[in-house]
Structure formats: structure tokens, C-alpha cells
């Protein structure tokens, strides 16, 4: 029996993700990592799925495996997000800062930074950054309106100003 190539496994994993089957996709990425434990794409995808499954600690391990091999802004961004959801906002902010050093106006990173700042109680600073994000990419205005992360500040005039 011929073993599946890593490329065909990657395609299968992505197809399963597109079909909304993250658990089956996770098995595929584990197969790839059994063949090549340092496979960057498989590590990133596995981390992403673990994050979707709210297994943030496990996701961070995958991102650290990527970061031990190369500077990878996606791994840093997603690692920050995982720390954010674990309530470790200082670590999250540190990850975002590293990404922003390379890409200072990355809207997704700035949005996540704003969210972490607001979660940590630095509300006005977070709203200021959120305002910048919306000027960089208008689609974040709609995202912010409905983001559960901003539930606690919806009534603030400063927040209302930037999302209306």
C-alpha cells in the first residue's frame, strides 16, 4: 500500500476544513506531523483547529513549534489570540507587538490588540486603536458592532462614535 503524500494529505485536510469538519481535519494534520513533526503548514493548521475547539493551551504549543523554526507572523498572531482567550492579555499584547513591528498597520493584529487592551481595562486606548483599524479597513466596523468581546463597552459614547 502506498502511503499518502504530504501534499495530498494537506489538500484533504483543507477540504475537510472547508466542509466544516475540523476534527477530521485534525486527524489528517496529525498524520502529516507523524511523517514530518516540523511541517510548518500542518503545525499552523493544527494550532488553528485546536483554537477553534477552545483548546488554547494545545494551540499555543503548535504555534511555539512553528516559532522555534522560523519567524512566522501568523503563528505569532494566533498565539496572541489563544493567550487572549486564556485571559493572559499581557502575553497576547506582547505577541501582537512583535507582529506590529513587522507590519505596523495590519488591521487584524491591531483589532486583536484593541480587543486585548479593552479586556485588560485599558478601554480608551483600545477604542483609539479600534478607530484606527476601522479607518484602515472599513469591514472591521461591522465586526466590532457584533463582537462579543466588546459587549461591555457598547454603551460608551466613545465606542458608539466609531461604530455608527
C-alpha atoms as a PDB file:
ATOM      1  CA  UNK A   1       0.000   0.000   0.000  1.00  0.00           C
ATOM      2  CA  UNK A   2       1.344   3.406  -0.956  1.00  0.00           C
ATOM      3  CA  UNK A   3       1.469   5.977   1.818  1.00  0.00           C
ATOM      4  CA  UNK A   4      -0.334   9.225   1.116  1.00  0.00           C
ATOM      5  CA  UNK A   5       1.883  12.122   0.160  1.00  0.00           C
ATOM      6  CA  UNK A   6       2.057  15.098   2.482  1.00  0.00           C
ATOM      7  CA  UNK A   7       0.683  17.253  -0.326  1.00  0.00           C
ATOM      8  CA  UNK A   8      -2.396  15.060  -0.793  1.00  0.00           C
ATOM      9  CA  UNK A   9      -2.925  14.978   2.967  1.00  0.00           C
ATOM     10  CA  UNK A  10      -2.724  18.792   3.104  1.00  0.00           C
ATOM     11  CA  UNK A  11      -5.361  19.006   0.377  1.00  0.00           C
ATOM     12  CA  UNK A  12      -7.607  16.538   2.220  1.00  0.00           C
ATOM     13  CA  UNK A  13      -7.201  18.460   5.467  1.00  0.00           C
ATOM     14  CA  UNK A  14      -8.097  21.755   3.803  1.00  0.00           C
ATOM     15  CA  UNK A  15     -11.129  20.179   2.118  1.00  0.00           C
ATOM     16  CA  UNK A  16     -12.347  18.867   5.474  1.00  0.00           C
ATOM     17  CA  UNK A  17     -11.857  22.327   6.998  1.00  0.00           C
ATOM     18  CA  UNK A  18     -13.812  23.925   4.154  1.00  0.00           C
ATOM     19  CA  UNK A  19     -16.609  21.409   4.746  1.00  0.00           C
ATOM     20  CA  UNK A  20     -16.694  22.278   8.451  1.00  0.00           C
ATOM     21  CA  UNK A  21     -15.099  19.076   9.758  1.00  0.00           C
ATOM     22  CA  UNK A  22     -12.252  20.364  11.936  1.00  0.00           C
ATOM     23  CA  UNK A  23     -11.968  17.161  13.999  1.00  0.00           C
ATOM     24  CA  UNK A  24     -11.452  15.017  10.884  1.00  0.00           C
ATOM     25  CA  UNK A  25      -9.026  17.610   9.501  1.00  0.00           C
ATOM     26  CA  UNK A  26      -7.111  17.450  12.792  1.00  0.00           C
ATOM     27  CA  UNK A  27      -6.566  13.704  12.245  1.00  0.00           C
ATOM     28  CA  UNK A  28      -5.147  14.473   8.794  1.00  0.00           C
ATOM     29  CA  UNK A  29      -2.735  17.099  10.165  1.00  0.00           C
ATOM     30  CA  UNK A  30      -1.663  14.641  12.868  1.00  0.00           C
ATOM     31  CA  UNK A  31      -0.837  12.115  10.098  1.00  0.00           C
ATOM     32  CA  UNK A  32       1.345  14.730   8.395  1.00  0.00           C
ATOM     33  CA  UNK A  33       3.087  15.558  11.663  1.00  0.00           C
ATOM     34  CA  UNK A  34       3.698  11.854  12.287  1.00  0.00           C
ATOM     35  CA  UNK A  35       5.658  11.824   8.995  1.00  0.00           C
ATOM     36  CA  UNK A  36       7.254  15.236   9.495  1.00  0.00           C
ATOM     37  CA  UNK A  37       6.947  16.671  13.040  1.00  0.00           C
ATOM     38  CA  UNK A  38       8.303  20.067  11.911  1.00  0.00           C
ATOM     39  CA  UNK A  39       5.912  20.621   8.989  1.00  0.00           C
ATOM     40  CA  UNK A  40       5.073  24.347   9.286  1.00  0.00           C
ATOM     41  CA  UNK A  41       1.713  24.332   7.468  1.00  0.00           C
ATOM     42  CA  UNK A  42       0.459  21.277   9.368  1.00  0.00           C
ATOM     43  CA  UNK A  43       1.530  22.832  12.694  1.00  0.00           C
ATOM     44  CA  UNK A  44      -0.248  26.106  11.831  1.00  0.00           C
ATOM     45  CA  UNK A  45      -3.432  24.323  10.728  1.00  0.00           C
ATOM     46  CA  UNK A  46      -3.417  22.073  13.782  1.00  0.00           C
ATOM     47  CA  UNK A  47      -2.975  25.118  16.028  1.00  0.00           C
ATOM     48  CA  UNK A  48      -5.839  26.860  14.250  1.00  0.00           C
ATOM     49  CA  UNK A  49      -8.181  23.885  14.720  1.00  0.00           C
ATOM     50  CA  UNK A  50      -7.222  23.486  18.382  1.00  0.00           C
ATOM     51  CA  UNK A  51      -8.009  27.184  18.852  1.00  0.00           C
ATOM     52  CA  UNK A  52     -11.417  26.697  17.199  1.00  0.00           C
ATOM     53  CA  UNK A  53     -12.042  23.826  19.612  1.00  0.00           C
ATOM     54  CA  UNK A  54     -11.133  26.146  22.532  1.00  0.00           C
ATOM     55  CA  UNK A  55      -8.036  24.046  23.304  1.00  0.00           C
ATOM     56  CA  UNK A  56      -5.921  27.185  23.558  1.00  0.00           C
ATOM     57  CA  UNK A  57      -3.042  25.731  25.559  1.00  0.00           C
ATOM     58  CA  UNK A  58      -2.618  22.970  22.963  1.00  0.00           C
ATOM     59  CA  UNK A  59      -2.857  25.526  20.160  1.00  0.00           C
ATOM     60  CA  UNK A  60      -0.072  27.610  21.744  1.00  0.00           C
ATOM     61  CA  UNK A  61       2.194  24.539  21.744  1.00  0.00           C
ATOM     62  CA  UNK A  62       1.706  24.200  17.966  1.00  0.00           C
ATOM     63  CA  UNK A  63       2.463  27.880  17.383  1.00  0.00           C
ATOM     64  CA  UNK A  64       5.569  27.641  19.570  1.00  0.00           C
ATOM     65  CA  UNK A  65       6.707  24.661  17.468  1.00  0.00           C
ATOM     66  CA  UNK A  66       6.431  26.862  14.373  1.00  0.00           C
ATOM     67  CA  UNK A  67       8.150  29.830  16.050  1.00  0.00           C
ATOM     68  CA  UNK A  68      11.041  27.645  17.207  1.00  0.00           C
ATOM     69  CA  UNK A  69      11.779  27.019  13.499  1.00  0.00           C
ATOM     70  CA  UNK A  70      11.123  30.418  11.928  1.00  0.00           C
ATOM     71  CA  UNK A  71       9.781  33.909  12.426  1.00  0.00           C
ATOM     72  CA  UNK A  72       6.134  33.436  11.459  1.00  0.00           C
ATOM     73  CA  UNK A  73       3.704  36.322  11.846  1.00  0.00           C
ATOM     74  CA  UNK A  74       0.593  34.133  11.504  1.00  0.00           C
ATOM     75  CA  UNK A  75       1.818  31.861  14.300  1.00  0.00           C
ATOM     76  CA  UNK A  76       2.551  34.918  16.477  1.00  0.00           C
ATOM     77  CA  UNK A  77      -0.848  36.467  15.774  1.00  0.00           C
ATOM     78  CA  UNK A  78      -2.720  33.246  16.520  1.00  0.00           C
ATOM     79  CA  UNK A  79      -0.601  32.564  19.610  1.00  0.00           C
ATOM     80  CA  UNK A  80      -1.597  36.021  20.848  1.00  0.00           C
ATOM     81  CA  UNK A  81      -5.240  35.258  20.213  1.00  0.00           C
ATOM     82  CA  UNK A  82      -5.008  31.975  22.140  1.00  0.00           C
ATOM     83  CA  UNK A  83      -3.431  33.797  25.105  1.00  0.00           C
ATOM     84  CA  UNK A  84      -6.182  36.439  24.863  1.00  0.00           C
ATOM     85  CA  UNK A  85      -8.866  33.755  25.208  1.00  0.00           C
ATOM     86  CA  UNK A  86      -6.997  32.256  28.165  1.00  0.00           C
ATOM     87  CA  UNK A  87      -7.165  35.698  29.824  1.00  0.00           C
ATOM     88  CA  UNK A  88      -3.410  36.201  29.508  1.00  0.00           C
ATOM     89  CA  UNK A  89      -3.732  39.607  27.863  1.00  0.00           C
ATOM     90  CA  UNK A  90      -0.201  40.802  28.639  1.00  0.00           C
ATOM     91  CA  UNK A  91       1.264  37.812  26.786  1.00  0.00           C
ATOM     92  CA  UNK A  92      -1.254  38.373  23.967  1.00  0.00           C
ATOM     93  CA  UNK A  93      -0.269  42.041  23.680  1.00  0.00           C
ATOM     94  CA  UNK A  94       3.399  41.064  23.556  1.00  0.00           C
ATOM     95  CA  UNK A  95       2.690  38.720  20.616  1.00  0.00           C
ATOM     96  CA  UNK A  96       0.754  41.438  18.794  1.00  0.00           C
ATOM     97  CA  UNK A  97       3.567  43.961  19.323  1.00  0.00           C
ATOM     98  CA  UNK A  98       6.026  41.565  17.663  1.00  0.00           C
ATOM     99  CA  UNK A  99       3.730  41.280  14.634  1.00  0.00           C
ATOM    100  CA  UNK A 100       3.194  45.050  14.509  1.00  0.00           C
ATOM    101  CA  UNK A 101       6.974  45.635  14.443  1.00  0.00           C
ATOM    102  CA  UNK A 102       6.980  43.864  11.076  1.00  0.00           C
ATOM    103  CA  UNK A 103       3.560  45.039   9.831  1.00  0.00           C
ATOM    104  CA  UNK A 104       2.611  48.217  11.742  1.00  0.00           C
ATOM    105  CA  UNK A 105      -0.744  48.726  10.024  1.00  0.00           C
ATOM    106  CA  UNK A 106      -2.006  45.142   9.926  1.00  0.00           C
ATOM    107  CA  UNK A 107      -5.743  45.578  10.649  1.00  0.00           C
ATOM    108  CA  UNK A 108      -6.289  42.094  12.103  1.00  0.00           C
ATOM    109  CA  UNK A 109      -3.406  42.447  14.533  1.00  0.00           C
ATOM    110  CA  UNK A 110      -4.487  45.956  15.535  1.00  0.00           C
ATOM    111  CA  UNK A 111      -8.072  44.737  16.024  1.00  0.00           C
ATOM    112  CA  UNK A 112      -6.885  41.921  18.293  1.00  0.00           C
ATOM    113  CA  UNK A 113      -4.653  44.368  20.176  1.00  0.00           C
ATOM    114  CA  UNK A 114      -7.636  46.694  20.698  1.00  0.00           C
ATOM    115  CA  UNK A 115      -9.691  43.765  21.955  1.00  0.00           C
ATOM    116  CA  UNK A 116      -6.978  42.703  24.425  1.00  0.00           C
ATOM    117  CA  UNK A 117      -6.491  46.273  25.652  1.00  0.00           C
ATOM    118  CA  UNK A 118     -10.232  46.628  26.271  1.00  0.00           C
ATOM    119  CA  UNK A 119     -10.340  43.231  28.008  1.00  0.00           C
ATOM    120  CA  UNK A 120      -7.485  44.359  30.276  1.00  0.00           C
ATOM    121  CA  UNK A 121      -9.353  47.536  31.261  1.00  0.00           C
ATOM    122  CA  UNK A 122      -7.395  49.936  29.024  1.00  0.00           C
ATOM    123  CA  UNK A 123     -10.658  50.867  27.321  1.00  0.00           C
ATOM    124  CA  UNK A 124      -9.921  54.288  25.819  1.00  0.00           C
ATOM    125  CA  UNK A 125      -6.575  53.102  24.439  1.00  0.00           C
ATOM    126  CA  UNK A 126      -8.348  50.090  22.921  1.00  0.00           C
ATOM    127  CA  UNK A 127     -11.090  52.233  21.386  1.00  0.00           C
ATOM    128  CA  UNK A 128      -8.455  54.548  19.914  1.00  0.00           C
ATOM    129  CA  UNK A 129      -6.745  51.626  18.185  1.00  0.00           C
ATOM    130  CA  UNK A 130     -10.108  50.215  17.088  1.00  0.00           C
ATOM    131  CA  UNK A 131     -10.872  53.564  15.469  1.00  0.00           C
ATOM    132  CA  UNK A 132      -7.568  53.353  13.545  1.00  0.00           C
ATOM    133  CA  UNK A 133      -8.434  49.790  12.440  1.00  0.00           C
ATOM    134  CA  UNK A 134     -11.766  50.951  11.022  1.00  0.00           C
ATOM    135  CA  UNK A 135     -10.034  53.694   9.020  1.00  0.00           C
ATOM    136  CA  UNK A 136      -7.574  51.093   7.665  1.00  0.00           C
ATOM    137  CA  UNK A 137     -10.273  48.535   6.836  1.00  0.00           C
ATOM    138  CA  UNK A 138     -13.916  49.544   6.962  1.00  0.00           C
ATOM    139  CA  UNK A 139     -15.106  45.910   7.265  1.00  0.00           C
ATOM    140  CA  UNK A 140     -13.917  45.910  10.891  1.00  0.00           C
ATOM    141  CA  UNK A 141     -16.664  48.422  11.734  1.00  0.00           C
ATOM    142  CA  UNK A 142     -19.329  45.724  11.248  1.00  0.00           C
ATOM    143  CA  UNK A 143     -17.204  43.117  13.003  1.00  0.00           C
ATOM    144  CA  UNK A 144     -16.797  45.383  16.049  1.00  0.00           C
ATOM    145  CA  UNK A 145     -20.543  46.068  16.222  1.00  0.00           C
ATOM    146  CA  UNK A 146     -21.316  42.419  16.880  1.00  0.00           C
ATOM    147  CA  UNK A 147     -18.114  41.201  18.547  1.00  0.00           C
ATOM    148  CA  UNK A 148     -18.891  39.595  21.926  1.00  0.00           C
ATOM    149  CA  UNK A 149     -15.525  40.934  23.140  1.00  0.00           C
ATOM    150  CA  UNK A 150     -16.945  44.476  23.073  1.00  0.00           C
ATOM    151  CA  UNK A 151     -20.192  43.640  24.876  1.00  0.00           C
ATOM    152  CA  UNK A 152     -19.135  45.531  27.995  1.00  0.00           C
ATOM    153  CA  UNK A 153     -18.410  48.814  26.190  1.00  0.00           C
ATOM    154  CA  UNK A 154     -21.320  49.019  23.722  1.00  0.00           C
ATOM    155  CA  UNK A 155     -22.994  51.813  25.694  1.00  0.00           C
ATOM    156  CA  UNK A 156     -19.894  54.034  25.842  1.00  0.00           C
ATOM    157  CA  UNK A 157     -20.170  57.131  23.661  1.00  0.00           C
ATOM    158  CA  UNK A 158     -16.549  56.717  22.517  1.00  0.00           C
ATOM    159  CA  UNK A 159     -17.395  53.248  21.189  1.00  0.00           C
ATOM    160  CA  UNK A 160     -20.718  54.334  19.664  1.00  0.00           C
ATOM    161  CA  UNK A 161     -18.935  57.141  17.785  1.00  0.00           C
ATOM    162  CA  UNK A 162     -16.644  54.791  15.903  1.00  0.00           C
ATOM    163  CA  UNK A 163     -19.200  52.094  15.031  1.00  0.00           C
ATOM    164  CA  UNK A 164     -22.138  54.235  13.913  1.00  0.00           C
END
